[in-house]
């Protein structure tokens, strides 16, 4: 079955949700990963797309996402500030630029960035476009198309808005906004001339079927990049005691996503630092072709030098200097 479905995809076909479910449970996990890696090489080549983020506004978020340390509904002790300083931001971006990172995003807490803050961040983006060679991204919540067009004019080429999980499972994790709210933003970002980054978090209590449903929803939205985060349970959040997802589930999830999304960038994002190097290597050689470098919003990441050595071990070339 693995070889048959791989051949179909390489020849321009696609798989069904039922076939994806069957793939996820095949006994031959390494064969599944190897096939996913072949699909990745066929459609995407050997370049790995790296990105880094800055927590541009931290904490005090009115949304009630159960996984998030920044929600004011939960007591997590997260650092709170209204806006990162421009000097700090530029220095951070230049540091990532020097080591070969490709993309850089400002990420803000809250339902959506306020208009006055959006204007200030647009000024920051214009400066970053002058001072670095980074491709610029933004993740600023459920903004409207006018804000997206302003960000695009300031140099932002990609907008990020995670679907997070399947539409069916999402209401059990968040009640203050909906998957349809997210879809509206994704479509507005496209209308504003941006590419789109949208993925989710695995290990929040969802099933493999939920993950597969999310992947098909992302395929329908024609997103360009799919970040896959592994839940890092934060003390004080409702998901603090959720049992950890197994490495087998993580590996299989990534491989099946590659079958569903053959030409999309699958991006290894949060939670990677908690995995053994052998597991990370299997995932990178099992469908992934993008990685988030450095620290995350409220948790530490991997050492960038170790990351780049690992990418070379896995046969990747670093993708750099895309058109802004």
C-alpha atoms as a PDB file:
ATOM      1  CA  UNK A   1       0.000   0.000   0.000  1.00  0.00           C
ATOM      2  CA  UNK A   2       2.786   2.453   0.885  1.00  0.00           C
ATOM      3  CA  UNK A   3       4.489   2.104  -2.496  1.00  0.00           C
ATOM      4  CA  UNK A   4       1.208   2.257  -4.386  1.00  0.00           C
ATOM      5  CA  UNK A   5       0.132   5.499  -2.686  1.00  0.00           C
ATOM      6  CA  UNK A   6       3.596   7.022  -3.031  1.00  0.00           C
ATOM      7  CA  UNK A   7       3.565   6.293  -6.757  1.00  0.00           C
ATOM      8  CA  UNK A   8       0.098   7.818  -7.117  1.00  0.00           C
ATOM      9  CA  UNK A   9       1.222  11.041  -5.429  1.00  0.00           C
ATOM     10  CA  UNK A  10       4.425  11.336  -7.462  1.00  0.00           C
ATOM     11  CA  UNK A  11       2.321  10.909 -10.602  1.00  0.00           C
ATOM     12  CA  UNK A  12       0.157  13.873  -9.562  1.00  0.00           C
ATOM     13  CA  UNK A  13      -2.631  12.140  -7.653  1.00  0.00           C
ATOM     14  CA  UNK A  14      -3.725  12.423  -4.037  1.00  0.00           C
ATOM     15  CA  UNK A  15      -4.883  10.238  -1.174  1.00  0.00           C
ATOM     16  CA  UNK A  16      -8.195  10.139   0.677  1.00  0.00           C
ATOM     17  CA  UNK A  17      -8.741  10.548   4.430  1.00  0.00           C
ATOM     18  CA  UNK A  18      -9.482   6.817   4.660  1.00  0.00           C
ATOM     19  CA  UNK A  19      -6.185   5.990   2.962  1.00  0.00           C
ATOM     20  CA  UNK A  20      -4.356   8.412   5.261  1.00  0.00           C
ATOM     21  CA  UNK A  21      -5.833   6.614   8.286  1.00  0.00           C
ATOM     22  CA  UNK A  22      -4.598   3.302   6.895  1.00  0.00           C
ATOM     23  CA  UNK A  23      -1.117   4.721   6.290  1.00  0.00           C
ATOM     24  CA  UNK A  24      -0.911   5.996   9.854  1.00  0.00           C
ATOM     25  CA  UNK A  25      -1.286   2.481  11.235  1.00  0.00           C
ATOM     26  CA  UNK A  26       0.945   0.450   8.896  1.00  0.00           C
ATOM     27  CA  UNK A  27       3.367  -1.841  10.771  1.00  0.00           C
ATOM     28  CA  UNK A  28       6.314  -0.773   8.568  1.00  0.00           C
ATOM     29  CA  UNK A  29       6.987   2.648  10.084  1.00  0.00           C
ATOM     30  CA  UNK A  30      10.431   3.079   8.537  1.00  0.00           C
ATOM     31  CA  UNK A  31       9.066   2.212   5.101  1.00  0.00           C
ATOM     32  CA  UNK A  32       6.362   4.851   5.622  1.00  0.00           C
ATOM     33  CA  UNK A  33       8.973   7.461   6.584  1.00  0.00           C
ATOM     34  CA  UNK A  34      11.268   6.554   3.702  1.00  0.00           C
ATOM     35  CA  UNK A  35       8.383   6.903   1.246  1.00  0.00           C
ATOM     36  CA  UNK A  36       7.431  10.270   2.761  1.00  0.00           C
ATOM     37  CA  UNK A  37      11.032  11.395   2.373  1.00  0.00           C
ATOM     38  CA  UNK A  38      11.029  10.337  -1.284  1.00  0.00           C
ATOM     39  CA  UNK A  39       7.866  12.381  -1.838  1.00  0.00           C
ATOM     40  CA  UNK A  40       9.510  15.362  -0.134  1.00  0.00           C
ATOM     41  CA  UNK A  41      12.622  15.090  -2.307  1.00  0.00           C
ATOM     42  CA  UNK A  42      10.557  14.723  -5.479  1.00  0.00           C
ATOM     43  CA  UNK A  43       8.374  17.783  -4.865  1.00  0.00           C
ATOM     44  CA  UNK A  44      10.573  20.003  -2.692  1.00  0.00           C
ATOM     45  CA  UNK A  45      14.188  18.996  -3.329  1.00  0.00           C
ATOM     46  CA  UNK A  46      16.826  18.985  -0.588  1.00  0.00           C
ATOM     47  CA  UNK A  47      16.528  22.569   0.634  1.00  0.00           C
ATOM     48  CA  UNK A  48      15.389  23.135   4.207  1.00  0.00           C
ATOM     49  CA  UNK A  49      13.530  26.360   4.958  1.00  0.00           C
ATOM     50  CA  UNK A  50      14.551  27.867   8.312  1.00  0.00           C
ATOM     51  CA  UNK A  51      12.723  30.524  10.302  1.00  0.00           C
ATOM     52  CA  UNK A  52      12.930  32.269  13.661  1.00  0.00           C
ATOM     53  CA  UNK A  53      10.477  34.323  15.682  1.00  0.00           C
ATOM     54  CA  UNK A  54      10.406  37.214  18.121  1.00  0.00           C
ATOM     55  CA  UNK A  55       7.810  37.436  20.874  1.00  0.00           C
ATOM     56  CA  UNK A  56       6.852  41.008  19.997  1.00  0.00           C
ATOM     57  CA  UNK A  57       4.015  41.349  22.532  1.00  0.00           C
ATOM     58  CA  UNK A  58       3.823  38.962  25.464  1.00  0.00           C
ATOM     59  CA  UNK A  59       1.011  37.884  27.772  1.00  0.00           C
ATOM     60  CA  UNK A  60      -2.310  39.460  28.766  1.00  0.00           C
ATOM     61  CA  UNK A  61      -4.218  37.692  25.990  1.00  0.00           C
ATOM     62  CA  UNK A  62      -8.001  37.628  26.356  1.00  0.00           C
ATOM     63  CA  UNK A  63      -8.418  34.387  24.385  1.00  0.00           C
ATOM     64  CA  UNK A  64      -8.832  31.136  26.323  1.00  0.00           C
ATOM     65  CA  UNK A  65      -6.723  28.677  24.291  1.00  0.00           C
ATOM     66  CA  UNK A  66      -6.067  25.872  26.764  1.00  0.00           C
ATOM     67  CA  UNK A  67      -2.498  25.218  25.635  1.00  0.00           C
ATOM     68  CA  UNK A  68      -1.235  28.776  25.859  1.00  0.00           C
ATOM     69  CA  UNK A  69       0.956  30.312  28.559  1.00  0.00           C
ATOM     70  CA  UNK A  70      -0.004  33.827  27.436  1.00  0.00           C
ATOM     71  CA  UNK A  71      -3.740  33.663  28.163  1.00  0.00           C
ATOM     72  CA  UNK A  72      -4.837  35.887  31.041  1.00  0.00           C
ATOM     73  CA  UNK A  73      -7.374  33.189  31.941  1.00  0.00           C
ATOM     74  CA  UNK A  74      -4.558  31.068  33.405  1.00  0.00           C
ATOM     75  CA  UNK A  75      -1.827  31.731  35.965  1.00  0.00           C
ATOM     76  CA  UNK A  76       1.447  30.748  34.318  1.00  0.00           C
ATOM     77  CA  UNK A  77       3.895  33.436  35.437  1.00  0.00           C
ATOM     78  CA  UNK A  78       4.683  34.336  31.831  1.00  0.00           C
ATOM     79  CA  UNK A  79       6.602  37.564  31.254  1.00  0.00           C
ATOM     80  CA  UNK A  80       4.300  40.383  30.128  1.00  0.00           C
ATOM     81  CA  UNK A  81       5.126  43.395  27.966  1.00  0.00           C
ATOM     82  CA  UNK A  82       3.277  45.529  25.426  1.00  0.00           C
ATOM     83  CA  UNK A  83       5.859  45.745  22.662  1.00  0.00           C
ATOM     84  CA  UNK A  84       9.414  44.650  22.047  1.00  0.00           C
ATOM     85  CA  UNK A  85      11.920  47.471  21.593  1.00  0.00           C
ATOM     86  CA  UNK A  86      13.020  48.257  18.049  1.00  0.00           C
ATOM     87  CA  UNK A  87      16.750  48.088  18.841  1.00  0.00           C
ATOM     88  CA  UNK A  88      16.372  44.688  20.495  1.00  0.00           C
ATOM     89  CA  UNK A  89      14.290  43.484  17.576  1.00  0.00           C
ATOM     90  CA  UNK A  90      16.810  44.554  14.934  1.00  0.00           C
ATOM     91  CA  UNK A  91      19.713  43.021  16.858  1.00  0.00           C
ATOM     92  CA  UNK A  92      17.828  39.751  17.202  1.00  0.00           C
ATOM     93  CA  UNK A  93      16.957  39.662  13.505  1.00  0.00           C
ATOM     94  CA  UNK A  94      20.506  40.496  12.443  1.00  0.00           C
ATOM     95  CA  UNK A  95      21.812  37.677  14.624  1.00  0.00           C
ATOM     96  CA  UNK A  96      19.556  35.161  12.916  1.00  0.00           C
ATOM     97  CA  UNK A  97      20.431  36.634   9.525  1.00  0.00           C
ATOM     98  CA  UNK A  98      24.158  36.161  10.182  1.00  0.00           C
ATOM     99  CA  UNK A  99      23.836  32.452  10.966  1.00  0.00           C
ATOM    100  CA  UNK A 100      21.842  31.749   7.805  1.00  0.00           C
ATOM    101  CA  UNK A 101      18.202  31.739   8.921  1.00  0.00           C
ATOM    102  CA  UNK A 102      15.840  32.447   6.040  1.00  0.00           C
ATOM    103  CA  UNK A 103      12.636  33.840   7.571  1.00  0.00           C
ATOM    104  CA  UNK A 104      11.872  36.013  10.591  1.00  0.00           C
ATOM    105  CA  UNK A 105       8.478  36.719  12.157  1.00  0.00           C
ATOM    106  CA  UNK A 106       7.096  39.019  14.813  1.00  0.00           C
ATOM    107  CA  UNK A 107       4.468  37.250  16.913  1.00  0.00           C
ATOM    108  CA  UNK A 108       2.036  39.161  19.121  1.00  0.00           C
ATOM    109  CA  UNK A 109      -0.251  37.926  21.868  1.00  0.00           C
ATOM    110  CA  UNK A 110      -3.919  38.886  21.896  1.00  0.00           C
ATOM    111  CA  UNK A 111      -6.902  38.323  19.635  1.00  0.00           C
ATOM    112  CA  UNK A 112      -5.459  40.775  17.120  1.00  0.00           C
ATOM    113  CA  UNK A 113      -2.869  43.514  17.078  1.00  0.00           C
ATOM    114  CA  UNK A 114      -4.242  47.003  17.855  1.00  0.00           C
ATOM    115  CA  UNK A 115      -4.154  49.535  14.968  1.00  0.00           C
ATOM    116  CA  UNK A 116      -1.598  51.805  16.688  1.00  0.00           C
ATOM    117  CA  UNK A 117       0.674  48.843  17.387  1.00  0.00           C
ATOM    118  CA  UNK A 118       0.246  47.558  13.842  1.00  0.00           C
ATOM    119  CA  UNK A 119       1.479  50.911  12.530  1.00  0.00           C
ATOM    120  CA  UNK A 120       4.511  50.787  14.825  1.00  0.00           C
ATOM    121  CA  UNK A 121       5.297  47.213  13.800  1.00  0.00           C
ATOM    122  CA  UNK A 122       5.041  48.240  10.148  1.00  0.00           C
ATOM    123  CA  UNK A 123       7.797  50.781  10.823  1.00  0.00           C
ATOM    124  CA  UNK A 124       9.846  48.002  12.416  1.00  0.00           C
ATOM    125  CA  UNK A 125       9.341  45.786   9.382  1.00  0.00           C
ATOM    126  CA  UNK A 126      10.502  48.542   7.037  1.00  0.00           C
ATOM    127  CA  UNK A 127      13.673  48.840   9.109  1.00  0.00           C
ATOM    128  CA  UNK A 128      14.199  45.070   9.146  1.00  0.00           C
ATOM    129  CA  UNK A 129      13.842  44.998   5.364  1.00  0.00           C
ATOM    130  CA  UNK A 130      16.674  47.539   5.127  1.00  0.00           C
ATOM    131  CA  UNK A 131      18.937  46.050   7.791  1.00  0.00           C
ATOM    132  CA  UNK A 132      18.672  42.311   6.972  1.00  0.00           C
ATOM    133  CA  UNK A 133      18.285  39.894   4.066  1.00  0.00           C
ATOM    134  CA  UNK A 134      15.554  37.980   5.930  1.00  0.00           C
ATOM    135  CA  UNK A 135      12.203  37.142   4.378  1.00  0.00           C
ATOM    136  CA  UNK A 136       9.699  38.748   6.742  1.00  0.00           C
ATOM    137  CA  UNK A 137       6.619  37.104   8.249  1.00  0.00           C
ATOM    138  CA  UNK A 138       3.947  38.198  10.732  1.00  0.00           C
ATOM    139  CA  UNK A 139       1.703  36.438  13.239  1.00  0.00           C
ATOM    140  CA  UNK A 140      -0.584  39.055  14.756  1.00  0.00           C
ATOM    141  CA  UNK A 141      -3.894  37.355  15.305  1.00  0.00           C
ATOM    142  CA  UNK A 142      -7.280  37.702  13.664  1.00  0.00           C
ATOM    143  CA  UNK A 143      -6.556  40.939  11.815  1.00  0.00           C
ATOM    144  CA  UNK A 144      -8.550  42.446   8.948  1.00  0.00           C
ATOM    145  CA  UNK A 145      -7.486  42.769   5.331  1.00  0.00           C
ATOM    146  CA  UNK A 146      -6.534  46.446   5.702  1.00  0.00           C
ATOM    147  CA  UNK A 147      -3.975  45.538   8.378  1.00  0.00           C
ATOM    148  CA  UNK A 148      -2.694  42.696   6.220  1.00  0.00           C
ATOM    149  CA  UNK A 149      -2.259  45.037   3.252  1.00  0.00           C
ATOM    150  CA  UNK A 150      -0.357  47.502   5.451  1.00  0.00           C
ATOM    151  CA  UNK A 151       1.948  44.703   6.621  1.00  0.00           C
ATOM    152  CA  UNK A 152       2.481  43.610   3.027  1.00  0.00           C
ATOM    153  CA  UNK A 153       3.389  47.159   2.029  1.00  0.00           C
ATOM    154  CA  UNK A 154       5.898  47.260   4.909  1.00  0.00           C
ATOM    155  CA  UNK A 155       7.733  44.214   3.557  1.00  0.00           C
ATOM    156  CA  UNK A 156       5.910  41.231   5.078  1.00  0.00           C
ATOM    157  CA  UNK A 157       5.607  38.413   2.544  1.00  0.00           C
ATOM    158  CA  UNK A 158       3.955  35.700   4.655  1.00  0.00           C
ATOM    159  CA  UNK A 159       1.221  35.667   7.301  1.00  0.00           C
ATOM    160  CA  UNK A 160       0.906  33.015   9.979  1.00  0.00           C
ATOM    161  CA  UNK A 161      -2.392  31.886  11.515  1.00  0.00           C
ATOM    162  CA  UNK A 162      -2.509  28.335  12.873  1.00  0.00           C
ATOM    163  CA  UNK A 163      -5.653  26.251  12.533  1.00  0.00           C
ATOM    164  CA  UNK A 164      -4.177  24.448  15.617  1.00  0.00           C
ATOM    165  CA  UNK A 165      -6.145  21.187  15.294  1.00  0.00           C
ATOM    166  CA  UNK A 166      -9.169  19.744  13.512  1.00  0.00           C
ATOM    167  CA  UNK A 167     -12.300  21.892  13.335  1.00  0.00           C
ATOM    168  CA  UNK A 168     -14.148  19.207  15.292  1.00  0.00           C
ATOM    169  CA  UNK A 169     -11.652  19.129  18.174  1.00  0.00           C
ATOM    170  CA  UNK A 170     -10.937  22.871  18.325  1.00  0.00           C
ATOM    171  CA  UNK A 171     -14.064  23.897  20.343  1.00  0.00           C
ATOM    172  CA  UNK A 172     -12.904  21.696  23.236  1.00  0.00           C
ATOM    173  CA  UNK A 173      -9.688  23.740  23.411  1.00  0.00           C
ATOM    174  CA  UNK A 174     -10.854  27.310  22.767  1.00  0.00           C
ATOM    175  CA  UNK A 175     -14.218  29.069  23.062  1.00  0.00           C
ATOM    176  CA  UNK A 176     -13.285  32.686  22.264  1.00  0.00           C
ATOM    177  CA  UNK A 177     -12.767  32.233  18.523  1.00  0.00           C
ATOM    178  CA  UNK A 178     -13.515  29.602  15.895  1.00  0.00           C
ATOM    179  CA  UNK A 179     -11.838  27.781  13.008  1.00  0.00           C
ATOM    180  CA  UNK A 180     -13.949  29.888  10.640  1.00  0.00           C
ATOM    181  CA  UNK A 181     -12.414  33.043  12.152  1.00  0.00           C
ATOM    182  CA  UNK A 182      -9.017  31.631  11.246  1.00  0.00           C
ATOM    183  CA  UNK A 183     -10.097  30.696   7.736  1.00  0.00           C
ATOM    184  CA  UNK A 184     -11.251  34.267   7.139  1.00  0.00           C
ATOM    185  CA  UNK A 185      -7.810  35.596   8.093  1.00  0.00           C
ATOM    186  CA  UNK A 186      -6.029  33.052   5.893  1.00  0.00           C
ATOM    187  CA  UNK A 187      -8.165  34.002   2.899  1.00  0.00           C
ATOM    188  CA  UNK A 188      -7.683  37.705   3.609  1.00  0.00           C
ATOM    189  CA  UNK A 189      -3.904  37.236   3.751  1.00  0.00           C
ATOM    190  CA  UNK A 190      -4.026  35.588   0.341  1.00  0.00           C
ATOM    191  CA  UNK A 191      -6.166  38.447  -0.977  1.00  0.00           C
ATOM    192  CA  UNK A 192      -3.554  40.889   0.353  1.00  0.00           C
ATOM    193  CA  UNK A 193      -0.876  39.150  -1.712  1.00  0.00           C
ATOM    194  CA  UNK A 194       0.822  37.116   0.999  1.00  0.00           C
ATOM    195  CA  UNK A 195       1.711  33.464   1.240  1.00  0.00           C
ATOM    196  CA  UNK A 196       0.304  31.632   4.274  1.00  0.00           C
ATOM    197  CA  UNK A 197       1.792  29.615   7.119  1.00  0.00           C
ATOM    198  CA  UNK A 198      -0.777  27.592   9.076  1.00  0.00           C
ATOM    199  CA  UNK A 199      -0.440  24.379  11.038  1.00  0.00           C
ATOM    200  CA  UNK A 200      -1.100  23.214  14.537  1.00  0.00           C
ATOM    201  CA  UNK A 201      -0.120  21.521  17.757  1.00  0.00           C
ATOM    202  CA  UNK A 202      -0.132  17.773  18.241  1.00  0.00           C
ATOM    203  CA  UNK A 203      -0.344  16.028  21.592  1.00  0.00           C
ATOM    204  CA  UNK A 204      -3.251  18.036  23.038  1.00  0.00           C
ATOM    205  CA  UNK A 205      -5.460  14.979  23.490  1.00  0.00           C
ATOM    206  CA  UNK A 206      -6.568  14.770  19.871  1.00  0.00           C
ATOM    207  CA  UNK A 207      -6.646  11.539  17.867  1.00  0.00           C
ATOM    208  CA  UNK A 208      -4.714  10.660  14.736  1.00  0.00           C
ATOM    209  CA  UNK A 209      -8.018  11.153  12.904  1.00  0.00           C
ATOM    210  CA  UNK A 210      -8.117  14.748  14.175  1.00  0.00           C
ATOM    211  CA  UNK A 211      -4.602  15.361  12.871  1.00  0.00           C
ATOM    212  CA  UNK A 212      -5.475  13.893   9.498  1.00  0.00           C
ATOM    213  CA  UNK A 213      -8.627  16.028   9.336  1.00  0.00           C
ATOM    214  CA  UNK A 214      -6.522  19.122  10.068  1.00  0.00           C
ATOM    215  CA  UNK A 215      -4.093  18.201   7.285  1.00  0.00           C
ATOM    216  CA  UNK A 216      -6.934  17.894   4.776  1.00  0.00           C
ATOM    217  CA  UNK A 217      -8.391  21.213   5.962  1.00  0.00           C
ATOM    218  CA  UNK A 218      -4.994  22.833   5.416  1.00  0.00           C
ATOM    219  CA  UNK A 219      -4.798  21.264   1.965  1.00  0.00           C
ATOM    220  CA  UNK A 220      -8.192  22.763   1.114  1.00  0.00           C
ATOM    221  CA  UNK A 221      -6.910  26.187   2.218  1.00  0.00           C
ATOM    222  CA  UNK A 222      -3.838  25.765  -0.026  1.00  0.00           C
ATOM    223  CA  UNK A 223      -1.428  26.974   2.644  1.00  0.00           C
ATOM    224  CA  UNK A 224       2.258  27.243   1.753  1.00  0.00           C
ATOM    225  CA  UNK A 225       3.833  26.222   5.053  1.00  0.00           C
ATOM    226  CA  UNK A 226       2.543  23.913   7.802  1.00  0.00           C
ATOM    227  CA  UNK A 227       4.276  24.253  11.178  1.00  0.00           C
ATOM    228  CA  UNK A 228       3.914  21.156  13.334  1.00  0.00           C
ATOM    229  CA  UNK A 229       4.303  21.871  17.042  1.00  0.00           C
ATOM    230  CA  UNK A 230       4.481  19.230  19.759  1.00  0.00           C
ATOM    231  CA  UNK A 231       2.687  20.307  22.917  1.00  0.00           C
ATOM    232  CA  UNK A 232       4.996  21.487  25.682  1.00  0.00           C
ATOM    233  CA  UNK A 233       2.575  21.372  28.646  1.00  0.00           C
ATOM    234  CA  UNK A 234       2.831  24.651  30.561  1.00  0.00           C
ATOM    235  CA  UNK A 235       2.240  24.688  34.304  1.00  0.00           C
ATOM    236  CA  UNK A 236      -0.946  26.611  35.076  1.00  0.00           C
ATOM    237  CA  UNK A 237      -2.691  25.833  31.791  1.00  0.00           C
ATOM    238  CA  UNK A 238      -5.564  23.328  31.531  1.00  0.00           C
ATOM    239  CA  UNK A 239      -3.310  21.045  29.457  1.00  0.00           C
ATOM    240  CA  UNK A 240      -0.599  20.987  32.104  1.00  0.00           C
ATOM    241  CA  UNK A 241      -1.113  17.274  32.837  1.00  0.00           C
ATOM    242  CA  UNK A 242      -1.923  15.960  29.361  1.00  0.00           C
ATOM    243  CA  UNK A 243       0.056  12.738  28.764  1.00  0.00           C
ATOM    244  CA  UNK A 244       2.944  13.210  26.353  1.00  0.00           C
ATOM    245  CA  UNK A 245       2.409  12.072  22.790  1.00  0.00           C
ATOM    246  CA  UNK A 246       4.660   9.132  21.873  1.00  0.00           C
ATOM    247  CA  UNK A 247       7.595   9.541  19.513  1.00  0.00           C
ATOM    248  CA  UNK A 248       5.991   6.895  17.281  1.00  0.00           C
ATOM    249  CA  UNK A 249       2.843   9.027  16.935  1.00  0.00           C
ATOM    250  CA  UNK A 250       4.911  12.110  16.118  1.00  0.00           C
ATOM    251  CA  UNK A 251       6.953  10.313  13.464  1.00  0.00           C
ATOM    252  CA  UNK A 252       3.879   8.768  11.852  1.00  0.00           C
ATOM    253  CA  UNK A 253       1.979  12.062  11.901  1.00  0.00           C
ATOM    254  CA  UNK A 254       4.716  13.880   9.994  1.00  0.00           C
ATOM    255  CA  UNK A 255       5.044  11.103   7.418  1.00  0.00           C
ATOM    256  CA  UNK A 256       1.296  10.967   6.773  1.00  0.00           C
ATOM    257  CA  UNK A 257       1.160  14.775   6.485  1.00  0.00           C
ATOM    258  CA  UNK A 258       3.722  14.538   3.673  1.00  0.00           C
ATOM    259  CA  UNK A 259       1.470  12.132   1.788  1.00  0.00           C
ATOM    260  CA  UNK A 260      -1.454  14.552   2.198  1.00  0.00           C
ATOM    261  CA  UNK A 261       0.585  17.716   1.504  1.00  0.00           C
ATOM    262  CA  UNK A 262       3.276  16.569  -0.937  1.00  0.00           C
ATOM    263  CA  UNK A 263       4.574  19.959  -2.094  1.00  0.00           C
ATOM    264  CA  UNK A 264       3.972  22.016   1.061  1.00  0.00           C
ATOM    265  CA  UNK A 265       6.715  23.075   3.474  1.00  0.00           C
ATOM    266  CA  UNK A 266       6.271  20.953   6.611  1.00  0.00           C
ATOM    267  CA  UNK A 267       7.947  22.914   9.384  1.00  0.00           C
ATOM    268  CA  UNK A 268       9.289  21.415  12.612  1.00  0.00           C
ATOM    269  CA  UNK A 269       8.324  24.047  15.196  1.00  0.00           C
ATOM    270  CA  UNK A 270       7.737  23.973  18.968  1.00  0.00           C
ATOM    271  CA  UNK A 271       8.524  20.957  21.144  1.00  0.00           C
ATOM    272  CA  UNK A 272      11.498  19.723  19.153  1.00  0.00           C
ATOM    273  CA  UNK A 273      13.974  20.456  21.952  1.00  0.00           C
ATOM    274  CA  UNK A 274      12.375  17.765  24.122  1.00  0.00           C
ATOM    275  CA  UNK A 275      12.990  14.968  21.603  1.00  0.00           C
ATOM    276  CA  UNK A 276      16.052  12.732  21.315  1.00  0.00           C
ATOM    277  CA  UNK A 277      18.403  13.520  18.439  1.00  0.00           C
ATOM    278  CA  UNK A 278      17.673  10.143  16.814  1.00  0.00           C
ATOM    279  CA  UNK A 279      13.940  10.919  16.836  1.00  0.00           C
ATOM    280  CA  UNK A 280      14.489  14.369  15.339  1.00  0.00           C
ATOM    281  CA  UNK A 281      16.679  12.844  12.636  1.00  0.00           C
ATOM    282  CA  UNK A 282      14.029  10.261  11.753  1.00  0.00           C
ATOM    283  CA  UNK A 283      11.437  13.035  11.451  1.00  0.00           C
ATOM    284  CA  UNK A 284      13.717  15.195   9.287  1.00  0.00           C
ATOM    285  CA  UNK A 285      14.291  12.175   7.065  1.00  0.00           C
ATOM    286  CA  UNK A 286      10.613  11.293   7.104  1.00  0.00           C
ATOM    287  CA  UNK A 287       8.880  14.216   5.423  1.00  0.00           C
ATOM    288  CA  UNK A 288       9.956  17.491   7.053  1.00  0.00           C
ATOM    289  CA  UNK A 289      11.611  20.260   5.045  1.00  0.00           C
ATOM    290  CA  UNK A 290      11.323  23.304   7.300  1.00  0.00           C
ATOM    291  CA  UNK A 291      12.503  24.066  10.837  1.00  0.00           C
ATOM    292  CA  UNK A 292      12.080  26.842  13.364  1.00  0.00           C
ATOM    293  CA  UNK A 293      15.463  27.906  14.755  1.00  0.00           C
ATOM    294  CA  UNK A 294      16.155  29.435  18.177  1.00  0.00           C
ATOM    295  CA  UNK A 295      13.857  30.196  21.095  1.00  0.00           C
ATOM    296  CA  UNK A 296      10.080  30.056  20.837  1.00  0.00           C
ATOM    297  CA  UNK A 297       7.485  32.360  22.404  1.00  0.00           C
ATOM    298  CA  UNK A 298       7.705  31.254  26.038  1.00  0.00           C
ATOM    299  CA  UNK A 299      10.021  28.218  25.877  1.00  0.00           C
ATOM    300  CA  UNK A 300      13.666  27.662  24.951  1.00  0.00           C
ATOM    301  CA  UNK A 301      14.667  26.146  21.630  1.00  0.00           C
ATOM    302  CA  UNK A 302      17.704  24.261  20.362  1.00  0.00           C
ATOM    303  CA  UNK A 303      21.212  25.577  19.787  1.00  0.00           C
ATOM    304  CA  UNK A 304      21.282  26.886  16.212  1.00  0.00           C
ATOM    305  CA  UNK A 305      24.784  25.551  15.469  1.00  0.00           C
ATOM    306  CA  UNK A 306      23.720  22.038  16.454  1.00  0.00           C
ATOM    307  CA  UNK A 307      20.640  22.409  14.271  1.00  0.00           C
ATOM    308  CA  UNK A 308      22.615  23.325  11.165  1.00  0.00           C
ATOM    309  CA  UNK A 309      25.026  20.420  11.716  1.00  0.00           C
ATOM    310  CA  UNK A 310      22.058  18.071  11.986  1.00  0.00           C
ATOM    311  CA  UNK A 311      20.517  19.411   8.773  1.00  0.00           C
ATOM    312  CA  UNK A 312      23.764  18.659   6.928  1.00  0.00           C
ATOM    313  CA  UNK A 313      23.851  15.145   8.404  1.00  0.00           C
ATOM    314  CA  UNK A 314      20.350  14.617   7.026  1.00  0.00           C
ATOM    315  CA  UNK A 315      21.417  15.702   3.542  1.00  0.00           C
ATOM    316  CA  UNK A 316      19.748  19.115   3.501  1.00  0.00           C
ATOM    317  CA  UNK A 317      20.935  22.355   1.960  1.00  0.00           C
ATOM    318  CA  UNK A 318      20.010  25.623   3.665  1.00  0.00           C
ATOM    319  CA  UNK A 319      17.424  27.652   1.793  1.00  0.00           C
ATOM    320  CA  UNK A 320      18.329  31.333   1.955  1.00  0.00           C
ATOM    321  CA  UNK A 321      17.415  34.700   0.495  1.00  0.00           C
ATOM    322  CA  UNK A 322      14.018  34.075  -1.006  1.00  0.00           C
ATOM    323  CA  UNK A 323      12.396  37.027  -2.677  1.00  0.00           C
ATOM    324  CA  UNK A 324      11.090  39.354   0.006  1.00  0.00           C
END
